[in-house]
N, C-alpha and C. Protein backbone atom coordinates (compact mmCIF):
# COMPACT_ATOMS: atom_id res chain seq x y z
N UNK A 1 26.04 21.55 -49.94
CA UNK A 1 26.76 21.37 -48.55
C UNK A 1 27.73 19.97 -49.01
N UNK A 2 28.65 20.89 -48.58
CA UNK A 2 29.94 20.03 -48.74
C UNK A 2 29.94 18.55 -48.09
N UNK A 3 31.88 17.82 -49.22
CA UNK A 3 31.53 16.63 -48.73
C UNK A 3 31.16 16.48 -47.21
N UNK A 4 32.06 16.60 -46.37
CA UNK A 4 32.20 16.57 -44.47
C UNK A 4 30.72 16.84 -43.74
N UNK A 5 30.32 17.81 -44.38
CA UNK A 5 28.24 18.15 -44.22
C UNK A 5 28.11 17.07 -44.72
N UNK A 6 27.88 16.24 -45.20
CA UNK A 6 27.73 14.61 -45.94
C UNK A 6 27.95 14.08 -45.23
N UNK A 7 28.99 13.76 -44.98
CA UNK A 7 29.70 12.81 -44.46
C UNK A 7 28.72 12.80 -42.61
N UNK A 8 29.02 13.41 -42.60
CA UNK A 8 28.07 13.12 -40.74
C UNK A 8 27.03 13.50 -40.82
N UNK A 9 26.27 13.75 -41.28
CA UNK A 9 24.89 13.83 -41.30
C UNK A 9 24.53 11.76 -41.57
N UNK A 10 25.86 10.86 -42.47
CA UNK A 10 26.08 10.48 -42.93
C UNK A 10 25.84 9.29 -41.55
N UNK A 11 26.90 9.56 -41.09
CA UNK A 11 27.00 8.70 -39.46
C UNK A 11 26.22 8.60 -38.44
N UNK A 12 25.72 10.28 -38.74
CA UNK A 12 24.86 10.69 -38.01
C UNK A 12 23.49 9.63 -37.46
N UNK A 13 23.04 9.60 -39.64
CA UNK A 13 21.54 7.92 -39.31
C UNK A 13 21.90 6.92 -39.09
N UNK A 14 23.62 6.22 -40.00
CA UNK A 14 23.58 4.87 -39.62
C UNK A 14 23.47 5.07 -37.69
N UNK A 15 23.84 5.56 -37.42
CA UNK A 15 23.82 6.09 -35.19
C UNK A 15 22.47 5.19 -35.43
N UNK A 16 21.61 6.64 -35.63
CA UNK A 16 20.54 6.41 -34.93
C UNK A 16 20.24 5.41 -35.64
N UNK A 17 19.92 4.36 -37.04
CA UNK A 17 19.38 3.30 -37.11
C UNK A 17 20.05 2.44 -36.44
N UNK A 18 21.55 2.25 -36.02
CA UNK A 18 22.30 1.80 -34.94
C UNK A 18 21.72 1.30 -33.75
N UNK A 19 20.78 2.93 -32.45
CA UNK A 19 20.42 3.04 -31.55
C UNK A 19 19.01 1.92 -31.75
N UNK A 20 18.55 2.89 -32.46
CA UNK A 20 16.90 1.79 -33.00
C UNK A 20 17.08 0.50 -32.33
N UNK A 21 18.24 0.07 -33.17
CA UNK A 21 17.94 -1.79 -34.11
C UNK A 21 18.42 -2.28 -32.43
N UNK A 22 20.28 -2.13 -31.72
CA UNK A 22 20.18 -1.67 -30.23
C UNK A 22 18.87 -1.65 -29.47
N UNK A 23 18.16 -0.43 -29.73
CA UNK A 23 17.34 -1.08 -28.28
C UNK A 23 16.01 -1.59 -27.99
N UNK A 24 15.82 -1.75 -29.02
CA UNK A 24 14.74 -2.36 -30.20
C UNK A 24 15.06 -3.99 -29.16
N UNK A 25 15.82 -4.34 -29.47
CA UNK A 25 16.86 -4.96 -28.79
C UNK A 25 16.74 -5.84 -27.59
N UNK A 26 16.45 -5.10 -27.11
CA UNK A 26 17.08 -4.48 -25.49
C UNK A 26 15.36 -4.98 -25.02
N UNK A 27 14.64 -3.37 -25.57
CA UNK A 27 13.10 -4.22 -25.02
C UNK A 27 12.60 -5.37 -25.64
N UNK A 28 13.04 -5.76 -26.62
CA UNK A 28 12.23 -7.89 -26.72
C UNK A 28 12.91 -8.10 -25.10
N UNK A 29 15.00 -8.17 -25.48
CA UNK A 29 14.41 -9.39 -24.53
C UNK A 29 14.67 -8.83 -23.21
N UNK A 30 13.92 -7.62 -22.86
CA UNK A 30 12.69 -7.75 -21.03
C UNK A 30 11.69 -8.27 -21.51
N UNK A 31 10.60 -7.36 -22.47
CA UNK A 31 9.33 -8.09 -22.90
C UNK A 31 8.91 -9.45 -23.69
N UNK A 32 10.13 -9.91 -24.30
CA UNK A 32 9.29 -10.72 -24.67
C UNK A 32 9.16 -12.28 -24.02
N UNK A 33 8.38 -13.39 -24.13
CA UNK A 33 7.48 -14.13 -23.41
C UNK A 33 8.28 -15.54 -23.76
N UNK A 34 9.47 -15.86 -24.34
CA UNK A 34 9.67 -16.68 -24.47
C UNK A 34 11.28 -16.43 -24.52
N UNK A 35 11.62 -17.36 -23.98
CA UNK A 35 13.19 -17.21 -23.20
C UNK A 35 14.15 -17.22 -24.20
N UNK A 36 14.31 -17.57 -24.77
CA UNK A 36 14.60 -18.41 -26.25
C UNK A 36 14.52 -17.26 -26.83
N UNK A 37 13.84 -16.31 -27.39
CA UNK A 37 13.61 -14.99 -28.40
C UNK A 37 14.61 -14.33 -27.24
N UNK A 38 14.10 -14.20 -26.20
CA UNK A 38 14.90 -13.38 -24.86
C UNK A 38 16.71 -13.51 -25.42
N UNK A 39 16.77 -14.75 -25.43
CA UNK A 39 18.18 -14.54 -25.43
C UNK A 39 18.95 -14.60 -27.17
N UNK A 40 18.09 -14.70 -27.73
CA UNK A 40 18.73 -13.89 -29.34
C UNK A 40 17.78 -12.16 -29.46
N UNK A 41 16.98 -11.70 -28.79
CA UNK A 41 17.61 -10.11 -28.98
C UNK A 41 19.00 -10.50 -28.09
N UNK A 42 19.52 -10.51 -26.90
CA UNK A 42 20.59 -10.12 -26.42
C UNK A 42 21.73 -10.81 -27.51
N UNK A 43 21.53 -11.29 -28.23
CA UNK A 43 23.19 -11.63 -28.82
C UNK A 43 22.63 -9.96 -30.20
N UNK A 44 21.56 -9.99 -30.29
CA UNK A 44 21.40 -8.91 -30.88
C UNK A 44 21.86 -7.22 -30.78
N UNK A 45 21.20 -7.46 -28.92
CA UNK A 45 21.31 -5.88 -28.77
C UNK A 45 23.45 -6.09 -28.08
N UNK A 46 24.07 -7.38 -27.78
CA UNK A 46 25.16 -7.25 -27.94
C UNK A 46 26.76 -6.88 -29.19
N UNK A 47 25.68 -7.07 -30.32
CA UNK A 47 26.20 -7.08 -32.09
C UNK A 47 26.33 -5.19 -32.09
N UNK A 48 24.43 -4.60 -31.79
CA UNK A 48 24.43 -3.09 -31.67
C UNK A 48 25.85 -2.81 -31.16
N UNK A 49 25.90 -3.11 -29.53
CA UNK A 49 27.01 -2.53 -29.03
C UNK A 49 27.50 -2.49 -29.47
N UNK A 50 28.20 -3.71 -30.25
CA UNK A 50 29.98 -3.55 -30.93
C UNK A 50 29.78 -2.32 -32.02
N UNK A 51 28.91 -2.26 -33.11
CA UNK A 51 28.47 -1.53 -34.23
C UNK A 51 28.75 -0.19 -34.23
N UNK A 52 28.35 -0.21 -32.47
CA UNK A 52 28.39 2.12 -32.00
C UNK A 52 30.40 1.78 -31.59
N UNK A 53 30.75 0.55 -31.55
CA UNK A 53 31.85 0.49 -31.68
C UNK A 53 33.13 -0.05 -32.35
N UNK A 54 32.62 0.28 -33.00
CA UNK A 54 32.58 0.11 -34.89
C UNK A 54 32.59 2.14 -34.87
N UNK A 55 32.11 2.42 -35.01
CA UNK A 55 31.28 3.46 -35.79
C UNK A 55 32.74 4.74 -34.39
N UNK A 56 32.76 3.93 -33.68
CA UNK A 56 33.67 5.56 -32.95
C UNK A 56 34.92 4.84 -33.27
N UNK A 57 34.94 4.35 -34.17
CA UNK A 57 36.86 3.61 -34.26
C UNK A 57 37.56 2.96 -33.28
N UNK A 58 36.32 2.93 -31.72
CA UNK A 58 37.73 1.96 -31.33
C UNK A 58 37.54 0.12 -31.61
N UNK A 59 38.02 -0.61 -33.09
CA UNK A 59 37.61 -2.17 -33.15
C UNK A 59 38.17 -3.05 -32.28
N UNK A 60 39.27 -2.83 -31.50
CA UNK A 60 39.29 -3.79 -30.56
C UNK A 60 38.79 -3.54 -30.77
N UNK A 61 37.46 -3.33 -29.60
CA UNK A 61 36.73 -2.81 -28.55
C UNK A 61 35.42 -3.98 -28.95
N UNK A 62 35.39 -3.31 -30.41
CA UNK A 62 34.19 -3.61 -31.25
C UNK A 62 34.31 -5.41 -31.37
N UNK A 63 35.08 -5.97 -31.02
CA UNK A 63 36.09 -7.43 -31.38
C UNK A 63 35.63 -8.36 -30.64
N UNK A 64 36.24 -7.36 -29.46
CA UNK A 64 35.71 -8.61 -28.16
C UNK A 64 34.55 -7.86 -27.82
N UNK A 65 34.18 -7.24 -27.96
CA UNK A 65 32.31 -7.05 -27.74
C UNK A 65 31.34 -8.76 -28.80
N UNK A 66 32.07 -8.16 -29.28
CA UNK A 66 31.36 -9.47 -31.54
C UNK A 66 32.67 -11.12 -30.48
N UNK A 67 33.36 -10.77 -30.37
CA UNK A 67 34.07 -12.27 -29.48
C UNK A 67 33.33 -12.95 -28.17
N UNK A 68 33.61 -12.00 -27.95
CA UNK A 68 33.12 -12.46 -25.84
C UNK A 68 32.01 -12.48 -25.71
N UNK A 69 30.72 -10.98 -25.30
CA UNK A 69 29.81 -11.27 -25.76
C UNK A 69 29.38 -12.04 -26.00
N UNK A 70 29.24 -11.56 -27.94
CA UNK A 70 27.60 -12.17 -28.76
C UNK A 70 28.01 -13.32 -28.86
N UNK A 71 30.19 -13.81 -28.91
CA UNK A 71 29.99 -14.65 -29.39
C UNK A 71 29.66 -15.94 -28.53
N UNK A 72 30.36 -15.76 -27.52
CA UNK A 72 31.03 -17.05 -25.86
C UNK A 72 29.64 -16.97 -24.85
N UNK A 73 29.61 -15.23 -24.38
CA UNK A 73 28.01 -15.79 -23.32
C UNK A 73 27.01 -15.73 -23.87
N UNK A 74 26.84 -15.38 -25.29
CA UNK A 74 25.56 -15.07 -25.83
C UNK A 74 25.05 -17.39 -26.34
N UNK A 75 26.25 -17.62 -26.43
CA UNK A 75 26.61 -19.09 -26.81
C UNK A 75 25.94 -19.91 -25.38
N UNK A 76 26.57 -19.32 -24.58
CA UNK A 76 26.88 -20.03 -22.35
C UNK A 76 25.04 -19.93 -22.34
N UNK A 77 24.95 -18.96 -22.94
CA UNK A 77 23.47 -18.57 -22.42
C UNK A 77 22.56 -18.92 -23.05
N UNK A 78 21.95 -19.67 -24.59
CA UNK A 78 21.57 -20.51 -24.65
C UNK A 78 21.93 -21.78 -24.77
N UNK A 79 22.60 -22.56 -24.94
CA UNK A 79 23.30 -23.36 -24.18
C UNK A 79 23.10 -23.99 -23.17
N UNK A 80 23.63 -22.92 -21.48
CA UNK A 80 22.57 -23.15 -21.02
C UNK A 80 20.77 -23.44 -20.26
N UNK A 81 20.06 -22.29 -21.13
CA UNK A 81 18.39 -22.53 -21.26
C UNK A 81 18.34 -23.22 -21.66
N UNK A 82 19.19 -24.59 -22.62
CA UNK A 82 19.12 -25.86 -23.61
C UNK A 82 19.13 -27.19 -22.43
N UNK A 83 19.35 -26.59 -21.35
CA UNK A 83 20.58 -27.56 -20.22
C UNK A 83 19.30 -27.66 -19.31
N UNK A 84 19.24 -27.06 -19.15
CA UNK A 84 18.05 -26.91 -17.57
C UNK A 84 16.06 -26.56 -18.51
N UNK A 85 15.45 -26.68 -18.69
CA UNK A 85 14.59 -26.56 -20.11
C UNK A 85 13.88 -27.64 -19.30
N UNK A 86 13.29 -27.42 -18.57
CA UNK A 86 12.53 -28.88 -18.16
C UNK A 86 10.42 -29.06 -18.85
N UNK A 87 10.63 -27.74 -19.55
CA UNK A 87 8.68 -27.73 -19.71
C UNK A 87 8.72 -26.97 -21.16
N UNK A 88 7.81 -27.11 -21.78
CA UNK A 88 7.88 -26.92 -23.33
C UNK A 88 8.14 -24.82 -23.21
N UNK A 89 9.33 -24.32 -24.86
CA UNK A 89 9.51 -23.05 -24.56
C UNK A 89 8.15 -22.25 -24.25
N UNK A 90 7.64 -22.50 -24.98
CA UNK A 90 6.22 -21.13 -25.30
C UNK A 90 5.19 -21.26 -23.56
N UNK A 91 6.05 -22.05 -22.72
CA UNK A 91 5.26 -22.00 -21.67
C UNK A 91 6.52 -22.09 -20.61
N UNK A 92 7.86 -20.40 -21.04
CA UNK A 92 8.41 -20.25 -20.51
C UNK A 92 7.70 -18.43 -19.58
N UNK A 93 9.02 -17.16 -18.86
CA UNK A 93 8.31 -16.57 -18.78
C UNK A 93 6.69 -15.92 -18.34
N UNK A 94 5.98 -17.07 -18.43
CA UNK A 94 4.40 -16.77 -17.74
C UNK A 94 4.01 -15.44 -17.02
N UNK A 95 5.11 -15.00 -15.95
CA UNK A 95 4.44 -14.71 -14.62
C UNK A 95 4.20 -12.67 -15.10
N UNK A 96 2.91 -12.75 -14.83
CA UNK A 96 2.78 -10.93 -14.94
C UNK A 96 3.47 -10.60 -13.62
N UNK A 97 4.07 -9.66 -13.69
CA UNK A 97 3.95 -8.90 -12.41
C UNK A 97 2.69 -7.16 -11.89
N UNK A 98 2.56 -7.33 -11.35
CA UNK A 98 1.66 -7.58 -10.56
C UNK A 98 1.74 -5.88 -10.17
N UNK A 99 0.33 -4.79 -10.55
CA UNK A 99 0.43 -3.47 -10.47
C UNK A 99 2.01 -2.64 -9.71
N UNK A 100 2.10 -2.42 -8.86
CA UNK A 100 2.52 -1.67 -7.53
C UNK A 100 4.67 -1.78 -8.57
N UNK A 101 4.63 -3.34 -8.59
CA UNK A 101 5.97 -3.84 -9.37
C UNK A 101 6.32 -3.30 -10.63
N UNK A 102 5.07 -2.77 -11.33
CA UNK A 102 5.36 -2.30 -12.38
C UNK A 102 6.00 -0.58 -12.35
N UNK A 103 4.52 0.12 -11.19
CA UNK A 103 5.32 1.23 -11.41
C UNK A 103 5.84 1.56 -10.53
N UNK A 104 6.75 0.35 -9.28
CA UNK A 104 7.43 1.00 -9.07
C UNK A 104 9.29 0.90 -9.91
N UNK A 105 9.27 -0.48 -11.21
CA UNK A 105 9.79 -0.43 -12.09
C UNK A 105 9.78 1.38 -12.83
N UNK A 106 8.81 1.51 -13.12
CA UNK A 106 8.91 2.75 -14.32
C UNK A 106 9.80 3.57 -13.53
N UNK A 107 9.39 3.57 -11.58
CA UNK A 107 10.20 4.24 -11.29
C UNK A 107 11.66 4.67 -11.37
N UNK A 108 11.55 4.11 -11.05
CA UNK A 108 13.52 3.10 -10.92
C UNK A 108 13.86 3.73 -12.14
N UNK A 109 13.17 2.99 -13.12
CA UNK A 109 14.06 3.50 -14.63
C UNK A 109 14.24 4.77 -14.61
N UNK A 110 13.11 5.68 -14.33
CA UNK A 110 12.86 7.24 -14.77
C UNK A 110 13.43 8.02 -13.29
N UNK A 111 14.40 7.49 -12.73
CA UNK A 111 15.38 8.23 -11.77
C UNK A 111 17.06 7.57 -12.76
N UNK A 112 16.95 6.18 -13.44
CA UNK A 112 18.23 6.31 -13.94
C UNK A 112 18.33 7.22 -15.06
N UNK A 113 17.26 7.31 -15.98
CA UNK A 113 17.38 8.28 -16.81
C UNK A 113 17.62 9.28 -17.01
N UNK A 114 16.58 10.39 -15.99
CA UNK A 114 17.27 11.09 -15.30
C UNK A 114 18.33 11.29 -14.56
N UNK A 115 19.02 10.89 -14.24
CA UNK A 115 20.73 10.24 -13.19
C UNK A 115 20.91 10.79 -14.79
N UNK A 116 21.39 10.05 -15.65
CA UNK A 116 22.43 9.49 -16.87
C UNK A 116 22.20 11.08 -17.52
N UNK A 117 20.90 11.93 -18.30
CA UNK A 117 20.56 13.03 -18.64
C UNK A 117 22.00 14.48 -18.31
N UNK A 118 21.30 14.51 -16.39
CA UNK A 118 21.80 15.21 -16.24
C UNK A 118 23.34 14.63 -15.94
N UNK A 119 24.17 13.68 -15.73
CA UNK A 119 25.58 13.04 -15.31
C UNK A 119 26.15 13.71 -16.61
N UNK A 120 25.33 13.32 -17.95
CA UNK A 120 25.60 13.65 -19.74
C UNK A 120 25.62 15.49 -19.79
N UNK A 121 24.84 16.27 -19.48
CA UNK A 121 25.05 17.43 -19.84
C UNK A 121 25.74 18.65 -18.42
N UNK A 122 26.43 17.83 -17.31
CA UNK A 122 27.19 18.32 -16.23
C UNK A 122 28.91 18.14 -17.01
N UNK A 123 28.93 17.36 -17.14
CA UNK A 123 30.44 16.51 -18.10
C UNK A 123 30.66 17.82 -18.36
N UNK A 124 31.88 18.10 -18.15
CA UNK A 124 32.73 19.47 -19.10
C UNK A 124 33.75 18.52 -20.41
N UNK A 125 33.02 17.90 -20.84
CA UNK A 125 33.24 17.34 -22.47
C UNK A 125 35.72 18.37 -23.00
N UNK A 126 36.11 16.88 -22.87
CA UNK A 126 36.97 18.25 -23.82
C UNK A 126 36.86 17.95 -25.12
N UNK A 127 37.68 19.05 -25.63
CA UNK A 127 36.52 19.46 -27.73
C UNK A 127 39.03 18.39 -28.27
N UNK A 128 38.33 17.90 -29.35
CA UNK A 128 39.33 17.15 -30.02
C UNK A 128 39.72 18.06 -30.49
N UNK A 129 41.62 17.13 -30.15
CA UNK A 129 41.98 18.77 -30.45
C UNK A 129 42.75 17.63 -32.15
N UNK A 130 41.95 17.03 -32.27
CA UNK A 130 42.30 16.62 -34.30
C UNK A 130 42.94 14.90 -34.23
N UNK A 131 42.80 14.52 -35.14
CA UNK A 131 43.04 13.14 -34.86
C UNK A 131 44.35 13.05 -35.51
N UNK A 132 44.81 12.27 -34.73
CA UNK A 132 46.39 11.59 -34.34
C UNK A 132 46.18 10.59 -35.40
N UNK A 133 47.29 9.48 -35.51
CA UNK A 133 47.81 9.45 -35.59
C UNK A 133 46.56 7.61 -36.17
N UNK A 134 46.38 7.06 -36.55
CA UNK A 134 45.50 5.34 -36.58
C UNK A 134 46.77 4.60 -35.63
N UNK A 135 46.25 3.71 -35.23
CA UNK A 135 47.57 2.15 -33.76
C UNK A 135 45.82 1.79 -34.04
N UNK A 136 46.72 0.54 -35.17
CA UNK A 136 46.98 -1.10 -35.09
C UNK A 136 46.97 -1.99 -34.11
N UNK A 137 46.32 -1.48 -33.00
CA UNK A 137 45.95 -2.53 -31.63
C UNK A 137 45.68 -3.44 -33.04
N UNK A 138 44.87 -3.82 -33.39
CA UNK A 138 44.23 -5.07 -33.18
C UNK A 138 45.66 -5.74 -33.96
N UNK A 139 46.08 -5.39 -35.52
CA UNK A 139 47.19 -5.77 -35.83
C UNK A 139 48.10 -6.48 -34.71
N UNK A 140 48.08 -5.77 -34.21
CA UNK A 140 49.30 -6.31 -33.39
C UNK A 140 48.83 -7.27 -32.63
N UNK A 141 47.47 -7.20 -31.59
CA UNK A 141 47.40 -8.24 -31.51
C UNK A 141 47.74 -9.81 -31.68
N UNK A 142 46.77 -9.43 -33.23
CA UNK A 142 46.90 -10.61 -33.74
C UNK A 142 48.23 -11.15 -34.32
N UNK A 143 49.26 -10.03 -34.32
CA UNK A 143 50.75 -11.06 -34.88
C UNK A 143 50.95 -11.27 -33.70
N UNK A 144 50.13 -10.77 -31.83
CA UNK A 144 51.00 -11.22 -30.76
C UNK A 144 50.48 -13.32 -30.56
N UNK A 145 48.99 -12.79 -30.73
CA UNK A 145 48.37 -13.83 -30.40
C UNK A 145 48.93 -15.11 -31.48
N UNK A 146 48.74 -14.92 -32.13
CA UNK A 146 48.58 -16.13 -33.85
C UNK A 146 50.41 -16.02 -34.25
N UNK A 147 51.22 -16.08 -33.73
CA UNK A 147 52.58 -15.79 -33.60
C UNK A 147 52.47 -15.54 -32.57
N UNK A 148 53.99 -15.01 -31.33
CA UNK A 148 54.45 -15.36 -30.32
C UNK A 148 53.36 -16.56 -28.95
N UNK A 149 52.64 -16.13 -29.43
CA UNK A 149 51.41 -17.29 -27.98
C UNK A 149 50.38 -17.41 -28.47
N UNK A 150 51.36 -18.33 -29.71
CA UNK A 150 49.91 -18.97 -30.36
C UNK A 150 49.56 -20.62 -29.51
N UNK A 151 50.20 -20.60 -29.00
CA UNK A 151 50.62 -21.99 -28.14
C UNK A 151 49.20 -21.96 -27.07
N UNK A 152 49.93 -20.77 -26.07
CA UNK A 152 49.25 -20.47 -24.95
C UNK A 152 47.52 -20.03 -25.21
N UNK A 153 47.77 -19.24 -26.64
CA UNK A 153 46.16 -19.87 -27.52
C UNK A 153 44.65 -20.71 -27.42
N UNK A 154 46.06 -21.02 -28.32
CA UNK A 154 45.49 -22.63 -28.67
C UNK A 154 45.19 -23.00 -27.90
N UNK A 155 46.27 -23.69 -26.59
CA UNK A 155 46.05 -24.41 -24.59
C UNK A 155 45.11 -23.54 -24.02
N UNK A 156 44.14 -22.30 -23.93
CA UNK A 156 43.29 -22.33 -23.30
C UNK A 156 41.78 -22.85 -24.30
N UNK A 157 41.89 -22.18 -25.12
CA UNK A 157 40.86 -23.10 -26.35
C UNK A 157 40.43 -24.38 -26.25
N UNK A 158 41.90 -25.34 -26.63
CA UNK A 158 41.54 -26.31 -25.36
C UNK A 158 41.12 -26.51 -25.21
N UNK A 159 41.16 -26.09 -23.11
CA UNK A 159 41.06 -26.05 -22.23
C UNK A 159 39.59 -25.66 -21.57
N UNK A 160 38.73 -24.77 -23.16
CA UNK A 160 37.91 -24.25 -22.49
C UNK A 160 36.43 -24.31 -23.18
N UNK A 161 36.94 -25.96 -24.19
CA UNK A 161 35.77 -26.22 -24.60
C UNK A 161 36.15 -27.56 -24.18
N UNK A 162 36.82 -28.38 -23.54
CA UNK A 162 36.73 -30.02 -22.36
C UNK A 162 36.25 -28.95 -21.63
N UNK A 163 36.10 -27.48 -20.32
CA UNK A 163 34.90 -27.44 -18.89
C UNK A 163 33.91 -27.63 -20.18
N UNK A 164 33.56 -26.99 -20.98
CA UNK A 164 32.48 -27.08 -21.85
C UNK A 164 32.08 -28.44 -22.26
N UNK A 165 32.55 -29.11 -22.22
CA UNK A 165 32.33 -30.84 -22.81
C UNK A 165 31.98 -31.35 -21.09
N UNK A 166 33.06 -31.03 -20.20
CA UNK A 166 32.52 -31.58 -19.21
C UNK A 166 31.30 -31.75 -18.58
N UNK A 167 30.68 -29.57 -18.98
CA UNK A 167 28.91 -29.34 -17.50
C UNK A 167 29.08 -29.82 -18.41
N UNK A 168 29.09 -30.03 -19.62
CA UNK A 168 27.02 -31.35 -20.30
C UNK A 168 26.78 -32.31 -19.54
N UNK A 169 28.25 -32.93 -19.65
CA UNK A 169 28.06 -34.31 -18.36
C UNK A 169 27.50 -33.62 -17.66
N UNK A 170 28.00 -33.40 -16.40
CA UNK A 170 27.77 -32.96 -14.95
C UNK A 170 26.80 -32.65 -14.82
N UNK A 171 25.86 -31.75 -15.92
CA UNK A 171 24.91 -31.01 -16.18
C UNK A 171 23.64 -32.79 -16.51
N UNK A 172 23.93 -33.48 -17.46
CA UNK A 172 22.77 -34.54 -18.50
C UNK A 172 23.72 -35.10 -17.62
N UNK A 173 23.23 -35.57 -17.28
CA UNK A 173 24.06 -37.32 -15.98
C UNK A 173 24.79 -38.06 -17.01
N UNK A 174 25.30 -39.45 -16.76
CA UNK A 174 26.44 -40.20 -17.46
C UNK A 174 25.18 -41.38 -17.29
N UNK A 175 24.75 -41.88 -18.39
CA UNK A 175 23.15 -42.94 -18.46
C UNK A 175 23.92 -44.61 -18.60
N UNK A 176 24.07 -44.62 -16.67
CA UNK A 176 24.59 -45.54 -16.50
C UNK A 176 24.48 -46.87 -17.85
N UNK A 177 25.41 -47.68 -17.61
CA UNK A 177 24.98 -48.71 -17.85
C UNK A 177 24.89 -50.15 -17.53
């Protein structure tokens, strides 16, 4: 067995493991009964998608996925859950859908999966023409953000921090003294 074949098999095995973890986490988002566990599974799903991006040599998109979705959006979701939750965590997500809704959900899911499989099957995929020179988009962006545009970058960070603090104050309410 050649080195290229062994490398391809290793990449395939890593992809399968990432896909299993990501799919399991996505199912956890849907089927778990605890809303905090749902949010944590969503974080794991976002990280799994980022891992797929990294495996596809799309480092910039992977980093954006981690920073924006696994970082900011997930923290925002967990933060919102903690702010508005007015009952015990164990008492969340209790209603069980009726049989008719479950059948409708399975039907719609099957239609979407069939549509996706047919779209993939009938797409004329272009063949790779060879490996081009790697483009260091992450390095170039880092130089710009932490070089020429560092003031704007930090101002945006402070603005987001002030917005979060304001949201907490509005959500919890100010106690009258």
